Amino acid sequence: MDRLEGAEQKPDSPSKINSTVVERNPHMAKVSPEVLQVILLDELTGRVAEFFDSVKGKAIDGPPYNVMAIPMDTAAVDKELDIPGIGLAANTDGTLSDVSIKFDSVTYDAIPLIMFKNFHFYPFNKFYVTFTAQAGKTLYLFIGREKMISEAT
């Protein structure tokens, strides 16, 4: 949890993100940072397009969104929430300074919600939440499950 220590922490720089990608994918080591960023953006755009194509014309089980209230009386570490979505927004009556999420895999980098509270059009199958205990406080999550803006025809 040392990455969440202060609200003043800044998000990772593009060079840090690039080095993480290269560390996980050594074959990308010879790619320039600018090209690597284009590749990453292209991959994310492709993933979003694949998700929308996979659900187009299909009924989604349940409502078009979910709202959750998670009591924060007891700390949680990588608590799995098996709810798919395409967007997530978070708020609390406590503090988000020690709250983080990971999309799809417990091994992915934690995203500190104090810095990034809203995720739009980022498809995920499940997510993991971590937070320190905050007696009497609640974490509120909005999970969007359908595209809310109609497609232009």
Protein backbone atom coordinates (compact mmCIF):
# COMPACT_ATOMS: atom_id res chain seq x y z
CA MET A 1 0.00 0.00 0.00
CA ASP A 2 3.04 2.28 -0.03
CA ARG A 3 1.96 3.69 -3.42
CA LEU A 4 -1.16 5.14 -1.79
CA GLU A 5 0.58 6.93 1.07
CA GLY A 6 -0.25 10.50 0.15
CA ALA A 7 -2.95 12.32 -1.73
CA GLU A 8 -0.24 14.50 -3.27
CA GLN A 9 1.19 11.55 -5.22
CA LYS A 10 1.11 12.08 -8.97
CA PRO A 11 0.08 9.45 -11.52
CA ASP A 12 2.79 7.44 -13.23
CA SER A 13 4.53 9.29 -16.03
CA PRO A 14 4.36 7.97 -19.60
CA SER A 15 8.01 6.88 -19.29
CA LYS A 16 7.19 4.85 -16.13
CA ILE A 17 4.22 3.26 -17.89
CA ASN A 18 6.40 2.50 -20.92
CA SER A 19 9.09 0.89 -18.74
CA THR A 20 6.44 -1.24 -17.01
CA VAL A 21 5.12 -2.40 -20.39
CA VAL A 22 8.64 -3.24 -21.58
CA GLU A 23 9.36 -5.06 -18.32
CA ARG A 24 6.27 -7.23 -18.87
CA ASN A 25 6.88 -7.55 -22.63
CA PRO A 26 10.65 -7.62 -23.29
CA HIS A 27 10.11 -7.84 -27.06
CA MET A 28 8.94 -4.19 -26.89
CA ALA A 29 12.32 -2.93 -25.60
CA LYS A 30 13.46 -1.61 -28.99
CA VAL A 31 10.25 0.34 -29.63
CA SER A 32 10.48 4.11 -29.12
CA PRO A 33 8.36 5.58 -26.28
CA GLU A 34 6.17 7.47 -28.73
CA VAL A 35 5.46 4.36 -30.81
CA LEU A 36 4.85 2.35 -27.63
CA GLN A 37 2.23 4.88 -26.50
CA VAL A 38 0.50 4.63 -29.88
CA ILE A 39 0.54 0.82 -29.60
CA LEU A 40 -0.95 0.96 -26.10
CA LEU A 41 -3.67 3.40 -27.15
CA ASP A 42 -4.44 1.25 -30.20
CA GLU A 43 -4.66 -1.85 -27.99
CA LEU A 44 -7.02 -0.13 -25.55
CA THR A 45 -9.18 1.20 -28.40
CA GLY A 46 -9.30 -2.30 -29.90
CA ARG A 47 -10.28 -3.82 -26.57
CA VAL A 48 -13.14 -1.35 -26.14
CA ALA A 49 -14.33 -1.99 -29.71
CA GLU A 50 -14.20 -5.78 -29.18
CA PHE A 51 -16.24 -5.45 -26.01
CA PHE A 52 -18.94 -3.39 -27.71
CA ASP A 53 -19.00 -5.80 -30.65
CA SER A 54 -19.33 -8.76 -28.27
CA VAL A 55 -22.39 -7.32 -26.51
CA LYS A 56 -24.04 -5.64 -29.50
CA GLY A 57 -27.55 -6.99 -29.93
CA LYS A 58 -27.29 -9.17 -26.82
CA ALA A 59 -29.32 -8.72 -23.69
CA ILE A 60 -27.26 -8.07 -20.59
CA ASP A 61 -28.43 -10.03 -17.58
CA GLY A 62 -29.67 -7.65 -14.96
CA PRO A 63 -29.94 -3.89 -14.94
CA PRO A 64 -27.91 -1.55 -17.19
CA TYR A 65 -25.92 -0.53 -14.11
CA ASN A 66 -25.26 -1.55 -10.52
CA VAL A 67 -24.90 0.62 -7.44
CA MET A 68 -23.07 -0.89 -4.49
CA ALA A 69 -22.56 0.29 -0.93
CA ILE A 70 -19.64 -1.53 0.70
CA PRO A 71 -19.19 -1.02 4.46
CA MET A 72 -15.62 -0.03 5.24
CA ASP A 73 -15.63 -1.05 8.93
CA THR A 74 -13.19 -3.86 8.16
CA ALA A 75 -10.19 -3.49 5.83
CA ALA A 76 -10.34 -5.30 2.50
CA VAL A 77 -7.40 -6.51 0.42
CA ASP A 78 -8.11 -7.42 -3.21
CA LYS A 79 -11.76 -8.20 -2.45
CA GLU A 80 -13.09 -9.68 -5.70
CA LEU A 81 -16.31 -8.23 -7.12
CA ASP A 82 -17.41 -10.42 -9.99
CA ILE A 83 -19.44 -7.75 -11.78
CA PRO A 84 -18.70 -6.90 -15.42
CA GLY A 85 -19.00 -3.38 -16.69
CA ILE A 86 -17.80 -0.70 -19.03
CA GLY A 87 -17.46 2.09 -16.51
CA LEU A 88 -17.00 2.65 -12.80
CA ALA A 89 -17.39 5.66 -10.53
CA ALA A 90 -16.55 5.73 -6.82
CA ASN A 91 -17.30 7.91 -3.83
CA THR A 92 -17.33 7.58 -0.06
CA ASP A 93 -18.47 9.35 3.07
CA GLY A 94 -14.98 8.59 4.39
CA THR A 95 -11.75 9.08 2.48
CA LEU A 96 -10.58 7.58 -0.81
CA SER A 97 -6.91 8.08 0.10
CA ASP A 98 -6.35 4.39 0.86
CA VAL A 99 -8.85 2.92 -1.60
CA SER A 100 -7.69 1.24 -4.81
CA ILE A 101 -9.07 -1.03 -7.51
CA LYS A 102 -7.64 -3.45 -10.03
CA PHE A 103 -9.54 -4.43 -13.17
CA ASP A 104 -9.76 -8.11 -14.22
CA SER A 105 -6.63 -9.45 -12.47
CA VAL A 106 -5.32 -9.24 -8.93
CA THR A 107 -1.80 -9.05 -10.41
CA TYR A 108 -2.46 -5.78 -12.29
CA ASP A 109 -1.33 -2.43 -10.88
CA ALA A 110 -3.58 -0.91 -8.23
CA ILE A 111 -5.40 2.26 -9.31
CA PRO A 112 -5.65 4.76 -6.41
CA LEU A 113 -9.20 6.13 -6.35
CA ILE A 114 -8.10 9.34 -4.63
CA MET A 115 -6.58 10.25 -8.01
CA PHE A 116 -8.83 8.41 -10.47
CA LYS A 117 -12.48 8.14 -9.37
CA ASN A 118 -14.24 7.66 -12.69
CA PHE A 119 -13.60 5.20 -15.49
CA HIS A 120 -15.71 5.55 -18.62
CA PHE A 121 -15.74 3.08 -21.48
CA TYR A 122 -13.12 0.81 -19.97
CA PRO A 123 -14.55 -2.71 -20.25
CA PHE A 124 -13.86 -5.17 -17.45
CA ASN A 125 -15.19 -8.57 -16.37
CA LYS A 126 -14.57 -8.14 -12.64
CA PHE A 127 -12.57 -5.95 -10.33
CA TYR A 128 -10.80 -6.04 -6.99
CA VAL A 129 -11.07 -3.42 -4.27
CA THR A 130 -8.64 -2.69 -1.44
CA PHE A 131 -9.15 -0.24 1.41
CA THR A 132 -8.12 0.41 5.00
CA ALA A 133 -10.74 0.13 7.74
CA GLN A 134 -12.84 3.27 8.24
CA ALA A 135 -15.33 2.75 11.07
CA GLY A 136 -18.89 3.71 10.13
CA LYS A 137 -17.93 4.71 6.57
CA THR A 138 -19.15 3.31 3.25
CA LEU A 139 -17.61 2.98 -0.21
CA TYR A 140 -20.17 3.69 -2.94
CA LEU A 141 -19.60 2.25 -6.42
CA PHE A 142 -21.53 2.85 -9.62
CA ILE A 143 -20.82 0.15 -12.21
CA GLY A 144 -22.07 0.99 -15.71
CA ARG A 145 -22.97 -2.11 -17.70
CA GLU A 146 -24.36 -0.67 -20.93
CA LYS A 147 -23.29 2.09 -23.22
CA MET A 148 -25.35 5.08 -22.13
CA ILE A 149 -24.83 7.17 -25.28
CA SER A 150 -26.66 5.92 -28.35
CA GLU A 151 -24.52 5.08 -31.36
CA ALA A 152 -24.81 7.31 -34.40
CA THR A 153 -26.33 5.36 -37.27
